[in-house]
N, C-alpha and C. Protein backbone atom coordinates (compact mmCIF):
# COMPACT_ATOMS: atom_id res chain seq x y z
N UNK A 1 -54.88 -99.57 -2.86
CA UNK A 1 -56.56 -99.45 -2.97
C UNK A 1 -56.76 -98.87 -4.39
N UNK A 2 -57.45 -99.31 -5.15
CA UNK A 2 -57.72 -98.65 -6.67
C UNK A 2 -58.17 -97.58 -6.58
N UNK A 3 -59.34 -97.19 -5.41
CA UNK A 3 -59.96 -95.84 -5.68
C UNK A 3 -60.00 -95.03 -4.09
N UNK A 4 -58.61 -94.37 -4.05
CA UNK A 4 -58.25 -93.82 -2.78
C UNK A 4 -59.60 -92.54 -2.32
N UNK A 5 -60.02 -92.26 -3.49
CA UNK A 5 -61.18 -91.01 -3.07
C UNK A 5 -62.25 -91.82 -2.47
N UNK A 6 -62.59 -93.01 -2.93
CA UNK A 6 -63.90 -93.78 -1.88
C UNK A 6 -63.50 -94.29 -1.00
N UNK A 7 -62.29 -94.49 -0.13
CA UNK A 7 -61.90 -95.32 0.88
C UNK A 7 -62.62 -94.76 2.21
N UNK A 8 -63.00 -93.39 2.70
CA UNK A 8 -63.85 -93.31 3.72
C UNK A 8 -65.66 -93.91 3.55
N UNK A 9 -65.91 -94.20 2.21
CA UNK A 9 -67.47 -94.57 1.98
C UNK A 9 -67.09 -96.53 2.05
N UNK A 10 -65.63 -96.45 1.71
CA UNK A 10 -65.38 -98.27 1.65
C UNK A 10 -65.48 -98.80 3.08
N UNK A 11 -64.65 -97.90 4.01
CA UNK A 11 -64.54 -98.19 5.37
C UNK A 11 -65.85 -98.32 6.29
N UNK A 12 -66.96 -96.92 5.75
CA UNK A 12 -67.85 -96.79 6.54
C UNK A 12 -68.94 -98.34 6.18
N UNK A 13 -68.90 -98.55 4.83
CA UNK A 13 -69.99 -99.38 4.36
C UNK A 13 -69.10 -100.84 4.56
N UNK A 14 -68.08 -101.00 4.87
CA UNK A 14 -67.68 -102.26 5.19
C UNK A 14 -67.55 -103.38 3.49
N UNK A 15 -67.24 -102.49 2.60
CA UNK A 15 -67.27 -103.01 1.22
C UNK A 15 -66.23 -104.05 1.06
N UNK A 16 -66.48 -105.03 0.81
CA UNK A 16 -65.20 -105.94 0.68
C UNK A 16 -64.63 -105.88 -1.05
N UNK A 17 -63.38 -105.23 -0.74
CA UNK A 17 -62.62 -105.00 -2.05
C UNK A 17 -61.34 -105.46 -1.73
N UNK A 18 -60.18 -105.83 -2.83
CA UNK A 18 -58.90 -106.43 -2.32
C UNK A 18 -58.32 -105.18 -1.77
N UNK A 19 -57.74 -105.56 -0.42
CA UNK A 19 -56.85 -104.45 0.51
C UNK A 19 -55.32 -104.57 0.11
N UNK A 20 -54.87 -105.22 -1.13
CA UNK A 20 -53.54 -105.03 -1.62
C UNK A 20 -53.61 -103.89 -2.40
N UNK A 21 -52.30 -103.24 -2.18
CA UNK A 21 -52.33 -101.96 -3.19
C UNK A 21 -51.49 -102.41 -4.43
N UNK A 22 -52.06 -102.70 -5.67
CA UNK A 22 -51.56 -102.96 -7.07
C UNK A 22 -50.19 -102.12 -7.13
N UNK A 23 -49.04 -102.87 -7.88
CA UNK A 23 -48.20 -101.99 -8.46
C UNK A 23 -48.54 -101.56 -9.72
N UNK A 24 -49.47 -100.26 -9.85
CA UNK A 24 -49.19 -99.73 -11.24
C UNK A 24 -47.97 -99.37 -11.47
N UNK A 25 -47.80 -99.30 -12.86
CA UNK A 25 -46.72 -98.98 -13.85
C UNK A 25 -47.42 -97.48 -14.39
N UNK A 26 -48.85 -97.65 -14.49
CA UNK A 26 -49.76 -96.45 -14.99
C UNK A 26 -50.98 -96.78 -14.76
N UNK A 27 -51.53 -95.78 -14.35
CA UNK A 27 -53.27 -95.65 -14.15
C UNK A 27 -54.02 -94.54 -14.27
N UNK A 28 -55.15 -94.58 -14.87
CA UNK A 28 -55.95 -93.27 -14.98
C UNK A 28 -57.34 -93.69 -14.83
N UNK A 29 -57.80 -92.66 -14.34
CA UNK A 29 -59.35 -92.65 -14.31
C UNK A 29 -60.18 -92.71 -15.59
N UNK A 30 -61.12 -93.30 -16.06
CA UNK A 30 -61.81 -93.00 -16.92
C UNK A 30 -63.06 -92.39 -16.88
N UNK A 31 -63.37 -92.55 -15.95
CA UNK A 31 -64.48 -91.69 -15.24
C UNK A 31 -64.32 -91.93 -13.79
N UNK A 32 -65.10 -91.27 -12.69
CA UNK A 32 -65.03 -91.40 -11.35
C UNK A 32 -65.10 -92.88 -10.73
N UNK A 33 -65.68 -93.75 -11.64
CA UNK A 33 -65.62 -94.92 -11.08
C UNK A 33 -64.97 -95.87 -11.67
N UNK A 34 -64.27 -95.63 -12.84
CA UNK A 34 -63.45 -96.64 -13.46
C UNK A 34 -62.21 -96.26 -13.58
N UNK A 35 -61.30 -97.37 -13.60
CA UNK A 35 -59.79 -96.83 -13.38
C UNK A 35 -59.02 -97.94 -14.61
N UNK A 36 -58.25 -97.53 -15.66
CA UNK A 36 -57.50 -98.13 -16.48
C UNK A 36 -56.22 -98.25 -15.77
N UNK A 37 -55.25 -99.43 -15.97
CA UNK A 37 -54.09 -99.70 -15.48
C UNK A 37 -53.19 -100.57 -16.24
N UNK A 38 -52.17 -100.25 -16.06
CA UNK A 38 -50.92 -101.32 -16.26
C UNK A 38 -50.24 -101.99 -15.16
N UNK A 39 -50.10 -103.05 -14.89
CA UNK A 39 -49.28 -103.54 -13.91
C UNK A 39 -47.77 -104.02 -14.47
N UNK A 40 -46.69 -104.24 -13.47
CA UNK A 40 -45.45 -104.69 -13.97
C UNK A 40 -45.64 -105.86 -14.93
N UNK A 41 -45.15 -105.91 -15.93
CA UNK A 41 -44.80 -107.42 -16.92
C UNK A 41 -44.67 -108.64 -16.14
N UNK A 42 -45.04 -109.42 -16.31
CA UNK A 42 -45.03 -110.87 -15.68
C UNK A 42 -43.89 -111.69 -15.91
N UNK A 43 -43.37 -111.03 -17.37
CA UNK A 43 -42.07 -111.66 -17.97
C UNK A 43 -41.94 -110.94 -19.04
N UNK A 44 -40.90 -111.25 -19.82
CA UNK A 44 -40.20 -110.46 -20.93
C UNK A 44 -41.16 -110.68 -22.23
N UNK A 45 -41.63 -109.77 -22.71
CA UNK A 45 -42.63 -110.01 -23.84
C UNK A 45 -43.65 -110.07 -23.60
N UNK A 46 -44.26 -110.02 -22.16
CA UNK A 46 -45.59 -109.63 -21.83
C UNK A 46 -46.20 -108.52 -21.02
N UNK A 47 -47.53 -108.26 -21.04
CA UNK A 47 -47.76 -106.89 -20.23
C UNK A 47 -49.32 -107.46 -19.72
N UNK A 48 -49.76 -106.94 -18.70
CA UNK A 48 -50.71 -106.96 -17.95
C UNK A 48 -51.45 -105.60 -17.88
N UNK A 49 -52.75 -105.56 -18.48
CA UNK A 49 -53.33 -104.29 -18.39
C UNK A 49 -54.88 -104.89 -17.60
N UNK A 50 -55.48 -103.81 -16.94
CA UNK A 50 -56.87 -104.18 -16.68
C UNK A 50 -57.69 -102.96 -16.25
N UNK A 51 -58.91 -103.22 -16.06
CA UNK A 51 -60.02 -101.84 -15.55
C UNK A 51 -60.43 -102.52 -14.30
N UNK A 52 -60.70 -101.67 -13.48
CA UNK A 52 -61.41 -101.53 -12.19
C UNK A 52 -62.51 -100.70 -12.17
N UNK A 53 -63.58 -101.23 -11.38
CA UNK A 53 -64.62 -100.34 -11.29
C UNK A 53 -65.64 -100.36 -9.76
N UNK A 54 -65.74 -99.39 -9.49
CA UNK A 54 -66.26 -99.29 -8.12
C UNK A 54 -67.48 -98.39 -8.16
N UNK A 55 -68.87 -98.86 -7.78
CA UNK A 55 -70.00 -98.47 -8.00
C UNK A 55 -70.40 -98.46 -6.19
N UNK A 56 -70.84 -97.37 -5.52
CA UNK A 56 -71.01 -97.19 -4.19
C UNK A 56 -72.92 -97.56 -4.06
N UNK A 57 -73.25 -97.97 -3.35
CA UNK A 57 -74.91 -98.22 -3.21
C UNK A 57 -75.53 -97.16 -3.65
N UNK A 58 -76.64 -97.69 -4.31
CA UNK A 58 -77.47 -96.71 -4.95
C UNK A 58 -78.62 -96.90 -4.10
N UNK A 59 -79.72 -96.07 -3.70
CA UNK A 59 -80.99 -96.73 -2.98
C UNK A 59 -80.87 -98.13 -2.68
N UNK A 60 -81.48 -99.26 -3.20
CA UNK A 60 -81.54 -100.50 -2.95
C UNK A 60 -80.37 -101.38 -3.16
N UNK A 61 -79.46 -100.67 -4.25
CA UNK A 61 -78.71 -101.46 -4.89
C UNK A 61 -77.27 -101.86 -3.81
N UNK A 62 -76.91 -103.03 -3.84
CA UNK A 62 -75.64 -102.88 -3.06
C UNK A 62 -74.23 -102.58 -3.68
N UNK A 63 -73.17 -102.19 -2.80
CA UNK A 63 -72.16 -101.49 -3.42
C UNK A 63 -71.72 -102.61 -4.64
N UNK A 64 -70.45 -102.20 -5.39
CA UNK A 64 -69.78 -103.43 -6.27
C UNK A 64 -68.64 -102.78 -6.66
N UNK A 65 -67.80 -103.99 -6.57
CA UNK A 65 -66.48 -103.78 -7.05
C UNK A 65 -65.95 -104.92 -7.97
N UNK A 66 -65.54 -104.56 -9.09
CA UNK A 66 -65.02 -105.37 -10.10
C UNK A 66 -63.83 -105.13 -10.78
N UNK A 67 -63.19 -106.29 -11.35
CA UNK A 67 -61.82 -105.65 -12.20
C UNK A 67 -61.52 -106.93 -13.03
N UNK A 68 -61.01 -106.53 -14.17
CA UNK A 68 -60.77 -107.42 -15.28
C UNK A 68 -59.26 -107.41 -15.55
N UNK A 69 -58.17 -108.00 -15.58
CA UNK A 69 -56.95 -108.13 -15.68
C UNK A 69 -56.52 -109.07 -16.80
N UNK A 70 -55.70 -108.85 -17.74
CA UNK A 70 -55.60 -109.73 -18.77
C UNK A 70 -53.80 -109.57 -18.93
N UNK A 71 -53.26 -110.80 -18.97
CA UNK A 71 -51.63 -110.70 -19.20
C UNK A 71 -51.57 -111.57 -20.42
N UNK A 72 -51.20 -111.01 -21.70
CA UNK A 72 -51.00 -111.51 -22.92
C UNK A 72 -49.40 -111.24 -23.44
N UNK A 73 -48.85 -111.63 -24.37
CA UNK A 73 -47.82 -111.34 -25.16
C UNK A 73 -47.97 -109.67 -25.95
N UNK A 74 -46.97 -109.20 -25.72
CA UNK A 74 -47.31 -107.54 -25.89
C UNK A 74 -47.83 -107.50 -27.53
N UNK A 75 -47.35 -108.42 -28.61
CA UNK A 75 -48.03 -108.34 -29.57
C UNK A 75 -49.51 -108.70 -29.45
N UNK A 76 -50.09 -109.01 -28.52
CA UNK A 76 -51.72 -109.13 -28.60
C UNK A 76 -52.29 -108.17 -27.89
N UNK A 77 -51.80 -106.88 -27.79
CA UNK A 77 -52.25 -105.80 -27.20
C UNK A 77 -53.73 -105.20 -27.57
N UNK A 78 -53.86 -105.31 -28.71
CA UNK A 78 -55.19 -105.11 -29.47
C UNK A 78 -56.00 -106.17 -29.11
N UNK A 79 -55.63 -107.60 -28.88
CA UNK A 79 -56.61 -108.29 -28.43
C UNK A 79 -57.07 -107.84 -26.84
N UNK A 80 -56.32 -107.52 -25.80
CA UNK A 80 -56.35 -107.26 -24.62
C UNK A 80 -57.21 -105.98 -24.48
N UNK A 81 -56.87 -104.74 -25.36
CA UNK A 81 -57.90 -103.87 -25.20
C UNK A 81 -59.61 -104.21 -25.55
N UNK A 82 -59.52 -104.91 -26.88
CA UNK A 82 -60.93 -105.54 -26.96
C UNK A 82 -61.94 -106.14 -25.87
N UNK A 83 -60.89 -106.88 -25.38
CA UNK A 83 -61.47 -107.86 -24.18
C UNK A 83 -61.86 -106.69 -23.23
N UNK A 84 -60.95 -105.64 -22.83
CA UNK A 84 -61.28 -104.74 -21.67
C UNK A 84 -62.34 -104.06 -22.02
N UNK A 85 -62.53 -103.60 -23.44
CA UNK A 85 -63.34 -102.53 -23.91
C UNK A 85 -64.69 -103.25 -23.43
N UNK A 86 -64.79 -104.69 -23.67
CA UNK A 86 -66.13 -105.63 -23.74
C UNK A 86 -66.55 -105.43 -22.37
N UNK A 87 -65.49 -105.70 -21.53
CA UNK A 87 -65.76 -105.56 -20.13
C UNK A 87 -66.46 -104.37 -19.67
N UNK A 88 -65.66 -103.22 -19.82
CA UNK A 88 -66.18 -101.80 -19.57
C UNK A 88 -67.67 -101.66 -20.02
N UNK A 89 -67.97 -102.18 -21.12
CA UNK A 89 -69.01 -101.88 -22.18
C UNK A 89 -70.26 -102.20 -21.26
N UNK A 90 -70.13 -103.75 -20.93
CA UNK A 90 -71.15 -104.40 -20.16
C UNK A 90 -71.15 -104.36 -18.70
N UNK A 91 -69.91 -103.96 -18.08
CA UNK A 91 -70.05 -103.61 -16.51
C UNK A 91 -70.18 -102.20 -16.04
N UNK A 92 -69.76 -101.53 -16.55
CA UNK A 92 -69.41 -99.97 -16.12
C UNK A 92 -70.40 -99.25 -16.33
N UNK A 93 -71.13 -98.67 -15.46
CA UNK A 93 -72.27 -97.78 -15.62
C UNK A 93 -71.53 -96.18 -14.81
N UNK A 94 -71.55 -95.31 -15.86
CA UNK A 94 -71.20 -94.06 -15.21
C UNK A 94 -71.84 -93.58 -14.82
């Protein structure tokens, strides 16, 4: 689970989120609803980075779970960062 601290709410509200537990190499909360992470490399010279976002329902708004993962050669790390920052800027609402 990407956000163990939200598990009681997720179960209570039956929010559809991936039930698999990602094999994080590194993970850190950007804010209470946003997690930046790195997964195991799919092959030598590559990396997979991602951002997951969870927003519980607010008044009339439905709960939302979203994530973006990118796998590119390590040499393209700056491009990965740019894409994930764009995703975060237009999806995440702290």
